[in-house]
Amino acid sequence: MPTAPIYQIEVTDIHGKAHPMADFAGKVLLIVNTASKCGFTPQFEGLQALREELGDRGLEVLGFPCNQFLSQDPGENQQISEFCSLNYGVTFPMFAKLQVNGPGTHPLFELLKREAPGMMGSQKVKWNFTKFLVGRDGQVVRRYPPTARPESLRKDILELL
């Protein structure tokens, strides 16, 4: 059993099935809090392109819908899943809607924020499509702002693959 703290966390997929993060041990992870009705929503296309290009080399993109920013992901999990699939051809794992800030923050995002703080040490996720890069060893490597386009992360991802 992998020992990195991230692998001790359990997440629920968009269809309601629980998964230990240990299922992704040994892969490079790009973890993103997503939203279906955000100006950054077209980034789903770039995330899917990265997954298609680098998935065979060990990259896994994980999408976590969040409705905490101007209610930009108000739908139920099934609606979100259909939206991502139909509009952006998303085949990477999507998970149940969760909270990334506040008292209801999911343990995964508590860990990500603690290990990769934002600007000036801030832990708060500022907006949808904040991205976290995790190495094959389960260590959180870096946080990227919502404005960072998925393709701009390619070099950093390649270094970890």
Protein backbone atom coordinates (compact mmCIF):
# COMPACT_ATOMS: atom_id res chain seq x y z
CA MET A 1 0.00 0.00 0.00
CA PRO A 2 1.45 3.40 -1.00
CA THR A 3 2.23 5.55 2.01
CA ALA A 4 1.99 9.15 0.76
CA PRO A 5 -0.80 10.98 2.62
CA ILE A 6 -2.79 11.58 -0.57
CA TYR A 7 -3.20 7.81 -0.96
CA GLN A 8 -4.96 7.56 2.40
CA ILE A 9 -7.86 9.69 1.12
CA GLU A 10 -11.05 8.30 -0.39
CA VAL A 11 -13.00 10.07 -3.13
CA THR A 12 -16.39 9.36 -4.69
CA ASP A 13 -16.72 9.25 -8.46
CA ILE A 14 -19.45 11.11 -10.31
CA HIS A 15 -21.57 7.93 -10.35
CA GLY A 16 -21.42 7.53 -6.55
CA LYS A 17 -18.74 4.83 -6.26
CA ALA A 18 -16.02 5.26 -3.62
CA HIS A 19 -12.36 5.02 -4.70
CA PRO A 20 -9.21 5.22 -2.61
CA MET A 21 -6.74 7.70 -4.10
CA ALA A 22 -4.30 4.77 -3.83
CA ASP A 23 -5.97 3.54 -7.05
CA PHE A 24 -3.92 6.24 -8.78
CA ALA A 25 -0.59 5.45 -7.10
CA GLY A 26 2.33 5.49 -9.51
CA LYS A 27 0.69 7.96 -11.89
CA VAL A 28 1.27 11.64 -12.38
CA LEU A 29 -1.98 13.36 -11.40
CA LEU A 30 -3.43 16.63 -12.59
CA ILE A 31 -6.25 17.38 -10.14
CA VAL A 32 -8.66 20.16 -11.13
CA ASN A 33 -11.71 21.72 -9.49
CA THR A 34 -14.10 22.16 -12.39
CA ALA A 35 -17.36 23.95 -13.23
CA SER A 36 -19.76 23.61 -16.15
CA LYS A 37 -20.84 27.25 -16.42
CA CYS A 38 -17.58 29.16 -16.00
CA GLY A 39 -15.53 31.26 -18.39
CA PHE A 40 -12.77 28.66 -17.96
CA THR A 41 -15.07 25.71 -18.81
CA PRO A 42 -13.52 25.35 -22.31
CA GLN A 43 -10.37 24.17 -20.50
CA PHE A 44 -12.07 20.75 -20.39
CA GLU A 45 -10.92 20.46 -24.01
CA GLY A 46 -7.26 21.06 -23.11
CA LEU A 47 -7.45 18.73 -20.11
CA GLN A 48 -8.86 15.98 -22.31
CA ALA A 49 -6.15 16.61 -24.92
CA LEU A 50 -3.43 16.21 -22.26
CA ARG A 51 -5.04 12.98 -21.07
CA GLU A 52 -5.20 11.62 -24.63
CA GLU A 53 -1.61 12.59 -25.40
CA LEU A 54 0.06 11.58 -22.16
CA GLY A 55 -2.28 9.06 -20.53
CA ASP A 56 -0.34 6.09 -21.93
CA ARG A 57 2.81 7.51 -20.34
CA GLY A 58 1.24 7.68 -16.88
CA LEU A 59 -0.75 10.94 -16.66
CA GLU A 60 -4.21 10.87 -15.10
CA VAL A 61 -6.43 13.94 -15.08
CA LEU A 62 -8.99 14.00 -12.25
CA GLY A 63 -11.92 16.43 -12.36
CA PHE A 64 -13.75 17.52 -9.22
CA PRO A 65 -16.84 19.67 -9.83
CA CYS A 66 -17.40 22.48 -7.36
CA ASN A 67 -20.32 24.89 -7.04
CA GLN A 68 -18.67 27.30 -4.57
CA PHE A 69 -17.79 30.04 -7.06
CA LEU A 70 -20.87 32.02 -8.14
CA SER A 71 -22.84 28.74 -8.34
CA GLN A 72 -21.20 27.89 -11.66
CA ASP A 73 -21.83 24.14 -11.36
CA PRO A 74 -25.41 23.92 -10.02
CA GLY A 75 -26.35 20.63 -11.71
CA GLU A 76 -26.54 17.19 -10.20
CA ASN A 77 -23.61 14.81 -10.75
CA GLN A 78 -25.36 13.00 -13.62
CA GLN A 79 -26.00 16.31 -15.42
CA ILE A 80 -22.38 17.35 -14.96
CA SER A 81 -21.15 14.00 -16.29
CA GLU A 82 -23.35 14.26 -19.39
CA PHE A 83 -22.34 17.89 -20.00
CA CYS A 84 -18.63 17.09 -19.86
CA SER A 85 -18.97 14.05 -22.09
CA LEU A 86 -21.28 15.59 -24.69
CA ASN A 87 -19.67 19.02 -24.95
CA TYR A 88 -15.99 18.24 -24.42
CA GLY A 89 -15.62 14.49 -24.96
CA VAL A 90 -14.30 14.06 -21.42
CA THR A 91 -13.16 10.51 -20.74
CA PHE A 92 -10.91 11.22 -17.77
CA PRO A 93 -12.33 10.41 -14.32
CA MET A 94 -14.84 12.89 -12.96
CA PHE A 95 -15.85 12.84 -9.33
CA ALA A 96 -18.83 13.84 -7.23
CA LYS A 97 -19.30 17.53 -6.60
CA LEU A 98 -17.41 18.67 -3.51
CA GLN A 99 -16.26 21.73 -1.60
CA VAL A 100 -12.72 23.09 -1.96
CA ASN A 101 -12.96 25.86 0.67
CA GLY A 102 -14.61 26.44 4.03
CA PRO A 103 -15.67 24.08 6.81
CA GLY A 104 -16.94 21.45 4.34
CA THR A 105 -13.67 21.23 2.39
CA HIS A 106 -13.02 17.71 1.16
CA PRO A 107 -9.89 16.11 2.72
CA LEU A 108 -8.25 15.84 -0.72
CA PHE A 109 -8.39 19.60 -1.22
CA GLU A 110 -7.31 20.23 2.38
CA LEU A 111 -4.15 18.26 1.59
CA LEU A 112 -3.59 19.84 -1.84
CA LYS A 113 -3.96 23.39 -0.49
CA ARG A 114 -1.67 22.71 2.46
CA GLU A 115 1.04 21.09 0.32
CA ALA A 116 0.89 23.64 -2.54
CA PRO A 117 -0.21 27.02 -1.22
CA GLY A 118 -1.16 29.78 -3.63
CA MET A 119 0.07 33.33 -3.96
CA MET A 120 1.67 34.73 -0.81
CA GLY A 121 1.05 31.47 1.04
CA SER A 122 -2.73 31.57 0.68
CA GLN A 123 -4.35 28.16 0.97
CA LYS A 124 -7.77 29.17 -0.30
CA VAL A 125 -8.70 28.01 -3.81
CA LYS A 126 -9.52 31.27 -5.57
CA TRP A 127 -11.70 30.03 -8.46
CA ASN A 128 -12.78 27.18 -10.69
CA PHE A 129 -10.09 25.35 -12.68
CA THR A 130 -7.34 25.71 -10.10
CA LYS A 131 -4.97 22.84 -10.91
CA PHE A 132 -2.69 20.73 -8.72
CA LEU A 133 0.11 18.57 -10.10
CA VAL A 134 1.03 15.44 -8.12
CA GLY A 135 4.09 13.27 -8.81
CA ARG A 136 4.13 9.49 -9.20
CA ASP A 137 5.20 9.26 -5.55
CA GLY A 138 2.05 11.04 -4.36
CA GLN A 139 3.85 14.27 -3.49
CA VAL A 140 2.06 17.50 -4.42
CA VAL A 141 4.43 19.31 -6.77
CA ARG A 142 2.71 22.53 -7.77
CA ARG A 143 -0.49 24.59 -7.90
CA TYR A 144 -1.56 26.46 -11.03
CA PRO A 145 -4.07 29.30 -11.21
CA PRO A 146 -7.33 29.04 -13.17
CA THR A 147 -5.81 31.18 -15.92
CA ALA A 148 -3.10 28.57 -16.62
CA ARG A 149 -4.22 26.82 -19.78
CA PRO A 150 -3.83 23.03 -19.64
CA GLU A 151 -1.37 22.97 -22.55
CA SER A 152 0.93 25.36 -20.62
CA LEU A 153 1.41 22.61 -17.99
CA ARG A 154 2.72 20.09 -20.55
CA LYS A 155 6.42 20.76 -19.86
CA ASP A 156 6.01 20.32 -16.09
CA ILE A 157 4.00 17.15 -16.61
CA LEU A 158 6.60 15.71 -18.99
CA GLU A 159 9.33 16.29 -16.38
CA LEU A 160 7.40 14.06 -13.97
CA LEU A 161 6.62 11.36 -16.51
